[in-house]
């Protein structure tokens, strides 16, 4: 019986990892300094696992939960998506170095 109580939480973590990583509160005000340093963002939906819609901003290993309807956040997301799209569409393939056509002598 004690094995069941020990394995049940581990099973829940394996099946529902995001359920324990949901934003419980969101902020309406975000300092510009944080918005400038955002490395990436995630969209949290209120889909049963999480109860709030939020945007999770990742800044130097920290997470900030913000209001998805905030105009500053929307602008930042649009810029980041545009930046990602531009960098992907302008990626150039690197040339492989040409090997010189040297004849080898057989001894």
C-alpha atoms as a PDB file:
ATOM      1  CA  UNK A   1       0.000   0.000   0.000  1.00  0.00           C
ATOM      2  CA  UNK A   2       2.845   2.405   0.792  1.00  0.00           C
ATOM      3  CA  UNK A   3       4.359   1.683  -2.629  1.00  0.00           C
ATOM      4  CA  UNK A   4       1.145   2.943  -4.200  1.00  0.00           C
ATOM      5  CA  UNK A   5       1.375   6.224  -2.287  1.00  0.00           C
ATOM      6  CA  UNK A   6       4.973   6.652  -3.406  1.00  0.00           C
ATOM      7  CA  UNK A   7       4.408   5.854  -7.075  1.00  0.00           C
ATOM      8  CA  UNK A   8       1.161   7.776  -7.539  1.00  0.00           C
ATOM      9  CA  UNK A   9       2.783  11.261  -7.344  1.00  0.00           C
ATOM     10  CA  UNK A  10       5.542  10.166  -9.732  1.00  0.00           C
ATOM     11  CA  UNK A  11       2.981   8.819 -12.160  1.00  0.00           C
ATOM     12  CA  UNK A  12       1.059  12.105 -12.043  1.00  0.00           C
ATOM     13  CA  UNK A  13       4.242  14.071 -12.721  1.00  0.00           C
ATOM     14  CA  UNK A  14       5.036  11.860 -15.696  1.00  0.00           C
ATOM     15  CA  UNK A  15       1.541  12.070 -17.176  1.00  0.00           C
ATOM     16  CA  UNK A  16       0.842  15.743 -16.469  1.00  0.00           C
ATOM     17  CA  UNK A  17       4.146  17.652 -16.290  1.00  0.00           C
ATOM     18  CA  UNK A  18       2.598  21.027 -17.224  1.00  0.00           C
ATOM     19  CA  UNK A  19      -0.127  20.722 -14.597  1.00  0.00           C
ATOM     20  CA  UNK A  20       2.396  21.542 -11.912  1.00  0.00           C
ATOM     21  CA  UNK A  21       4.044  24.302 -13.942  1.00  0.00           C
ATOM     22  CA  UNK A  22       1.002  26.525 -14.504  1.00  0.00           C
ATOM     23  CA  UNK A  23       0.862  30.234 -13.771  1.00  0.00           C
ATOM     24  CA  UNK A  24      -1.441  30.836 -10.835  1.00  0.00           C
ATOM     25  CA  UNK A  25      -1.330  34.643 -11.107  1.00  0.00           C
ATOM     26  CA  UNK A  26      -0.635  37.003 -13.980  1.00  0.00           C
ATOM     27  CA  UNK A  27       0.805  40.483 -13.968  1.00  0.00           C
ATOM     28  CA  UNK A  28      -0.707  43.338 -15.952  1.00  0.00           C
ATOM     29  CA  UNK A  29       2.341  45.610 -15.676  1.00  0.00           C
ATOM     30  CA  UNK A  30       5.674  44.558 -17.136  1.00  0.00           C
ATOM     31  CA  UNK A  31       8.788  46.735 -16.924  1.00  0.00           C
ATOM     32  CA  UNK A  32      10.334  47.534 -20.325  1.00  0.00           C
ATOM     33  CA  UNK A  33      13.648  46.138 -19.103  1.00  0.00           C
ATOM     34  CA  UNK A  34      12.120  42.700 -18.762  1.00  0.00           C
ATOM     35  CA  UNK A  35      10.443  42.860 -22.173  1.00  0.00           C
ATOM     36  CA  UNK A  36      13.760  43.765 -23.808  1.00  0.00           C
ATOM     37  CA  UNK A  37      15.520  40.773 -22.263  1.00  0.00           C
ATOM     38  CA  UNK A  38      12.945  38.079 -23.082  1.00  0.00           C
ATOM     39  CA  UNK A  39      14.726  35.047 -24.519  1.00  0.00           C
ATOM     40  CA  UNK A  40      11.587  33.099 -25.399  1.00  0.00           C
ATOM     41  CA  UNK A  41       7.934  32.865 -24.452  1.00  0.00           C
ATOM     42  CA  UNK A  42       5.255  30.222 -24.045  1.00  0.00           C
ATOM     43  CA  UNK A  43       1.510  30.517 -24.383  1.00  0.00           C
ATOM     44  CA  UNK A  44      -0.418  28.962 -21.518  1.00  0.00           C
ATOM     45  CA  UNK A  45      -4.019  28.118 -22.341  1.00  0.00           C
ATOM     46  CA  UNK A  46      -6.827  27.532 -19.882  1.00  0.00           C
ATOM     47  CA  UNK A  47      -7.431  24.032 -21.187  1.00  0.00           C
ATOM     48  CA  UNK A  48      -8.139  21.995 -18.094  1.00  0.00           C
ATOM     49  CA  UNK A  49      -4.572  21.513 -16.899  1.00  0.00           C
ATOM     50  CA  UNK A  50      -4.104  25.215 -16.253  1.00  0.00           C
ATOM     51  CA  UNK A  51      -6.864  27.515 -15.084  1.00  0.00           C
ATOM     52  CA  UNK A  52      -5.522  30.821 -16.441  1.00  0.00           C
ATOM     53  CA  UNK A  53      -4.593  32.050 -19.887  1.00  0.00           C
ATOM     54  CA  UNK A  54      -1.133  33.577 -19.661  1.00  0.00           C
ATOM     55  CA  UNK A  55       2.061  34.314 -21.505  1.00  0.00           C
ATOM     56  CA  UNK A  56       5.139  32.908 -19.783  1.00  0.00           C
ATOM     57  CA  UNK A  57       8.192  35.067 -20.455  1.00  0.00           C
ATOM     58  CA  UNK A  58      11.598  33.436 -19.973  1.00  0.00           C
ATOM     59  CA  UNK A  59      14.330  35.860 -18.892  1.00  0.00           C
ATOM     60  CA  UNK A  60      17.703  34.512 -17.717  1.00  0.00           C
ATOM     61  CA  UNK A  61      16.282  31.352 -16.197  1.00  0.00           C
ATOM     62  CA  UNK A  62      13.325  33.110 -14.563  1.00  0.00           C
ATOM     63  CA  UNK A  63       9.687  32.897 -15.581  1.00  0.00           C
ATOM     64  CA  UNK A  64       7.249  35.803 -15.566  1.00  0.00           C
ATOM     65  CA  UNK A  65       3.530  35.171 -16.003  1.00  0.00           C
ATOM     66  CA  UNK A  66       1.847  38.058 -17.778  1.00  0.00           C
ATOM     67  CA  UNK A  67      -1.561  38.986 -19.128  1.00  0.00           C
ATOM     68  CA  UNK A  68      -1.929  37.729 -22.728  1.00  0.00           C
ATOM     69  CA  UNK A  69      -4.095  40.752 -23.610  1.00  0.00           C
ATOM     70  CA  UNK A  70      -1.428  43.306 -22.627  1.00  0.00           C
ATOM     71  CA  UNK A  71      -0.573  45.422 -25.706  1.00  0.00           C
ATOM     72  CA  UNK A  72       3.154  45.599 -24.857  1.00  0.00           C
ATOM     73  CA  UNK A  73       3.309  41.820 -24.588  1.00  0.00           C
ATOM     74  CA  UNK A  74       1.457  41.380 -27.886  1.00  0.00           C
ATOM     75  CA  UNK A  75       3.936  43.710 -29.635  1.00  0.00           C
ATOM     76  CA  UNK A  76       6.898  41.862 -28.139  1.00  0.00           C
ATOM     77  CA  UNK A  77       5.481  38.497 -29.252  1.00  0.00           C
ATOM     78  CA  UNK A  78       4.859  39.797 -32.771  1.00  0.00           C
ATOM     79  CA  UNK A  79       8.424  41.143 -33.013  1.00  0.00           C
ATOM     80  CA  UNK A  80       9.899  37.873 -31.758  1.00  0.00           C
ATOM     81  CA  UNK A  81       7.821  35.795 -34.186  1.00  0.00           C
ATOM     82  CA  UNK A  82       8.810  38.091 -37.065  1.00  0.00           C
ATOM     83  CA  UNK A  83      12.462  37.912 -36.034  1.00  0.00           C
ATOM     84  CA  UNK A  84      12.354  34.098 -35.889  1.00  0.00           C
ATOM     85  CA  UNK A  85      10.584  33.906 -39.260  1.00  0.00           C
ATOM     86  CA  UNK A  86      13.119  36.254 -40.882  1.00  0.00           C
ATOM     87  CA  UNK A  87      16.104  34.377 -39.525  1.00  0.00           C
ATOM     88  CA  UNK A  88      14.715  31.033 -40.725  1.00  0.00           C
ATOM     89  CA  UNK A  89      13.875  32.290 -44.214  1.00  0.00           C
ATOM     90  CA  UNK A  90      17.291  33.902 -44.716  1.00  0.00           C
ATOM     91  CA  UNK A  91      19.408  30.980 -43.609  1.00  0.00           C
ATOM     92  CA  UNK A  92      22.036  30.202 -46.192  1.00  0.00           C
ATOM     93  CA  UNK A  93      23.513  26.798 -46.626  1.00  0.00           C
ATOM     94  CA  UNK A  94      27.204  26.691 -45.970  1.00  0.00           C
ATOM     95  CA  UNK A  95      29.337  25.497 -48.808  1.00  0.00           C
ATOM     96  CA  UNK A  96      31.255  22.353 -48.278  1.00  0.00           C
ATOM     97  CA  UNK A  97      34.964  22.929 -48.731  1.00  0.00           C
ATOM     98  CA  UNK A  98      36.107  21.777 -52.112  1.00  0.00           C
ATOM     99  CA  UNK A  99      38.566  18.946 -52.030  1.00  0.00           C
ATOM    100  CA  UNK A 100      41.509  19.355 -54.331  1.00  0.00           C
ATOM    101  CA  UNK A 101      41.692  16.764 -57.045  1.00  0.00           C
ATOM    102  CA  UNK A 102      45.122  15.359 -56.267  1.00  0.00           C
ATOM    103  CA  UNK A 103      46.183  12.112 -57.752  1.00  0.00           C
ATOM    104  CA  UNK A 104      47.705   9.704 -55.308  1.00  0.00           C
ATOM    105  CA  UNK A 105      50.603   7.533 -56.338  1.00  0.00           C
ATOM    106  CA  UNK A 106      50.322   3.884 -55.801  1.00  0.00           C
ATOM    107  CA  UNK A 107      53.540   2.262 -54.639  1.00  0.00           C
END
